[in-house]
Amino acid sequence: MEFNWHSDPITRSTPITPRYKNTQNVRRFMLEHCGPGFKFDRAFMAWIRNDTAKTLGDVVDEWQRRNAGL
């Protein structure tokens, strides 16, 4: 069964699938793990979808790395 990005539970180990979407469910997860300064930008969204296997934990870690000085 296909992962539903709108309603399925998300954890750091959730894999980014080819049908990944930046849903409110994902935004809530990212805000919880990255804090209130979290936001998607084009470069970050392109990194998420760059065809390299990753999990949402990797996405959190990359956003924190890119925004360490903020």
N, C-alpha and C. Protein backbone atom coordinates (compact mmCIF):
# COMPACT_ATOMS: atom_id res chain seq x y z
N MET A 1 0.83 -1.19 0.00
CA MET A 1 0.00 0.00 0.00
C MET A 1 0.87 1.25 0.00
N GLU A 2 0.51 2.22 -0.78
CA GLU A 2 1.25 3.48 -0.93
C GLU A 2 1.20 4.31 0.36
N PHE A 3 2.32 4.92 0.73
CA PHE A 3 2.37 5.79 1.90
C PHE A 3 1.54 7.04 1.63
N ASN A 4 0.71 7.42 2.61
CA ASN A 4 -0.12 8.62 2.48
C ASN A 4 0.54 9.76 3.25
N TRP A 5 1.14 10.70 2.53
CA TRP A 5 1.86 11.81 3.15
C TRP A 5 0.93 12.76 3.90
N HIS A 6 -0.36 12.69 3.62
CA HIS A 6 -1.32 13.57 4.29
C HIS A 6 -1.72 13.05 5.67
N SER A 7 -1.74 11.73 5.85
CA SER A 7 -2.32 11.22 7.10
C SER A 7 -1.55 10.10 7.79
N ASP A 8 -0.65 9.42 7.11
CA ASP A 8 0.08 8.34 7.77
C ASP A 8 1.05 8.90 8.81
N PRO A 9 1.28 8.15 9.90
CA PRO A 9 2.24 8.62 10.91
C PRO A 9 3.65 8.75 10.31
N ILE A 10 4.34 9.80 10.72
CA ILE A 10 5.69 10.10 10.22
C ILE A 10 6.67 10.00 11.38
N THR A 11 7.81 9.36 11.12
CA THR A 11 8.90 9.28 12.09
C THR A 11 10.20 9.66 11.37
N ARG A 12 11.27 9.75 12.13
CA ARG A 12 12.57 10.04 11.51
C ARG A 12 12.98 8.94 10.54
N SER A 13 12.47 7.74 10.71
CA SER A 13 12.86 6.64 9.83
C SER A 13 11.94 6.50 8.61
N THR A 14 10.96 7.36 8.46
CA THR A 14 10.07 7.31 7.29
C THR A 14 10.88 7.61 6.04
N PRO A 15 10.90 6.68 5.07
CA PRO A 15 11.66 6.93 3.84
C PRO A 15 10.96 7.93 2.93
N ILE A 16 11.77 8.74 2.25
CA ILE A 16 11.24 9.64 1.22
C ILE A 16 10.94 8.76 0.00
N THR A 17 9.70 8.76 -0.41
CA THR A 17 9.28 7.92 -1.54
C THR A 17 9.22 8.77 -2.81
N PRO A 18 9.14 8.12 -3.97
CA PRO A 18 9.03 8.89 -5.22
C PRO A 18 7.79 9.79 -5.26
N ARG A 19 6.78 9.46 -4.46
CA ARG A 19 5.55 10.28 -4.43
C ARG A 19 5.50 11.20 -3.22
N TYR A 20 6.67 11.53 -2.67
CA TYR A 20 6.76 12.45 -1.52
C TYR A 20 6.05 13.76 -1.83
N LYS A 21 5.36 14.31 -0.81
CA LYS A 21 4.69 15.61 -0.92
C LYS A 21 4.98 16.43 0.33
N ASN A 22 5.12 17.74 0.16
CA ASN A 22 5.28 18.65 1.29
C ASN A 22 3.89 18.96 1.84
N THR A 23 3.35 18.06 2.63
CA THR A 23 2.00 18.20 3.17
C THR A 23 2.02 18.89 4.53
N GLN A 24 0.85 19.23 5.04
CA GLN A 24 0.75 19.78 6.38
C GLN A 24 1.27 18.78 7.41
N ASN A 25 1.06 17.51 7.16
CA ASN A 25 1.57 16.45 8.03
C ASN A 25 3.10 16.53 8.10
N VAL A 26 3.76 16.70 6.98
CA VAL A 26 5.22 16.83 6.93
C VAL A 26 5.65 18.13 7.60
N ARG A 27 4.94 19.22 7.31
CA ARG A 27 5.29 20.51 7.93
C ARG A 27 5.21 20.43 9.46
N ARG A 28 4.16 19.79 9.99
CA ARG A 28 4.04 19.64 11.45
C ARG A 28 5.23 18.86 12.00
N PHE A 29 5.59 17.77 11.32
CA PHE A 29 6.74 16.96 11.74
C PHE A 29 8.01 17.80 11.75
N MET A 30 8.24 18.53 10.67
CA MET A 30 9.46 19.33 10.56
C MET A 30 9.49 20.44 11.61
N LEU A 31 8.37 21.09 11.86
CA LEU A 31 8.31 22.13 12.89
C LEU A 31 8.62 21.54 14.26
N GLU A 32 8.11 20.36 14.51
CA GLU A 32 8.35 19.69 15.79
C GLU A 32 9.84 19.39 15.98
N HIS A 33 10.52 18.99 14.91
CA HIS A 33 11.92 18.58 15.01
C HIS A 33 12.93 19.70 14.73
N CYS A 34 12.51 20.73 14.01
CA CYS A 34 13.43 21.81 13.64
C CYS A 34 13.13 23.14 14.33
N GLY A 35 11.96 23.25 14.92
CA GLY A 35 11.60 24.47 15.62
C GLY A 35 10.79 25.42 14.76
N PRO A 36 10.35 26.53 15.37
CA PRO A 36 9.44 27.46 14.70
C PRO A 36 10.05 28.20 13.51
N GLY A 37 11.35 28.17 13.37
CA GLY A 37 12.00 28.82 12.23
C GLY A 37 11.99 27.99 10.96
N PHE A 38 11.47 26.76 11.06
CA PHE A 38 11.48 25.89 9.89
C PHE A 38 10.63 26.45 8.76
N LYS A 39 11.18 26.33 7.54
CA LYS A 39 10.40 26.62 6.33
C LYS A 39 11.06 25.89 5.17
N PHE A 40 10.24 25.56 4.18
CA PHE A 40 10.75 24.97 2.96
C PHE A 40 11.19 26.08 2.03
N ASP A 41 12.29 25.89 1.31
CA ASP A 41 12.64 26.79 0.20
C ASP A 41 12.94 25.91 -1.00
N ARG A 42 13.05 26.51 -2.16
CA ARG A 42 13.22 25.74 -3.40
C ARG A 42 14.45 24.85 -3.39
N ALA A 43 15.57 25.39 -2.93
CA ALA A 43 16.81 24.60 -2.92
C ALA A 43 16.67 23.39 -1.99
N PHE A 44 16.05 23.59 -0.84
CA PHE A 44 15.87 22.48 0.10
C PHE A 44 14.90 21.46 -0.47
N MET A 45 13.82 21.89 -1.07
CA MET A 45 12.87 20.96 -1.67
C MET A 45 13.53 20.17 -2.81
N ALA A 46 14.40 20.82 -3.58
CA ALA A 46 15.11 20.11 -4.65
C ALA A 46 16.04 19.06 -4.05
N TRP A 47 16.70 19.38 -2.93
CA TRP A 47 17.57 18.41 -2.27
C TRP A 47 16.76 17.20 -1.81
N ILE A 48 15.57 17.43 -1.24
CA ILE A 48 14.73 16.33 -0.77
C ILE A 48 14.40 15.39 -1.92
N ARG A 49 14.13 15.94 -3.10
CA ARG A 49 13.68 15.14 -4.25
C ARG A 49 14.81 14.79 -5.22
N ASN A 50 16.05 14.79 -4.80
CA ASN A 50 17.18 14.61 -5.73
C ASN A 50 17.49 13.16 -6.10
N ASP A 51 16.57 12.24 -5.85
CA ASP A 51 16.73 10.82 -6.21
C ASP A 51 17.80 10.09 -5.41
N THR A 52 18.26 10.67 -4.32
CA THR A 52 19.17 9.98 -3.40
C THR A 52 18.32 9.45 -2.25
N ALA A 53 18.49 8.18 -1.91
CA ALA A 53 17.70 7.59 -0.83
C ALA A 53 17.94 8.33 0.47
N LYS A 54 16.85 8.66 1.15
CA LYS A 54 16.95 9.36 2.42
C LYS A 54 15.68 9.14 3.23
N THR A 55 15.75 9.45 4.51
CA THR A 55 14.60 9.37 5.40
C THR A 55 14.24 10.78 5.86
N LEU A 56 13.12 10.90 6.56
CA LEU A 56 12.78 12.21 7.11
C LEU A 56 13.78 12.63 8.18
N GLY A 57 14.42 11.68 8.83
CA GLY A 57 15.50 12.02 9.76
C GLY A 57 16.65 12.70 9.03
N ASP A 58 16.98 12.22 7.85
CA ASP A 58 18.02 12.85 7.03
C ASP A 58 17.60 14.26 6.64
N VAL A 59 16.31 14.43 6.34
CA VAL A 59 15.78 15.74 5.95
C VAL A 59 15.89 16.72 7.13
N VAL A 60 15.52 16.27 8.32
CA VAL A 60 15.65 17.11 9.52
C VAL A 60 17.12 17.49 9.72
N ASP A 61 18.01 16.51 9.66
CA ASP A 61 19.44 16.77 9.89
C ASP A 61 19.99 17.75 8.87
N GLU A 62 19.59 17.62 7.60
CA GLU A 62 20.08 18.52 6.56
C GLU A 62 19.55 19.93 6.77
N TRP A 63 18.28 20.07 7.15
CA TRP A 63 17.74 21.41 7.39
C TRP A 63 18.49 22.06 8.56
N GLN A 64 18.73 21.29 9.61
CA GLN A 64 19.47 21.83 10.76
C GLN A 64 20.90 22.21 10.38
N ARG A 65 21.54 21.41 9.53
CA ARG A 65 22.90 21.73 9.08
C ARG A 65 22.90 23.03 8.29
N ARG A 66 21.93 23.18 7.37
CA ARG A 66 21.86 24.39 6.54
C ARG A 66 21.50 25.64 7.33
N ASN A 67 20.84 25.46 8.45
CA ASN A 67 20.34 26.62 9.21
C ASN A 67 20.95 26.72 10.59
N ALA A 68 22.14 26.16 10.78
CA ALA A 68 22.80 26.14 12.09
C ALA A 68 23.06 27.53 12.65
N GLY A 69 23.34 28.48 11.82
CA GLY A 69 23.69 29.81 12.30
C GLY A 69 22.50 30.76 12.49
N LEU A 70 21.30 30.28 12.25
CA LEU A 70 20.13 31.16 12.35
C LEU A 70 19.55 31.18 13.74
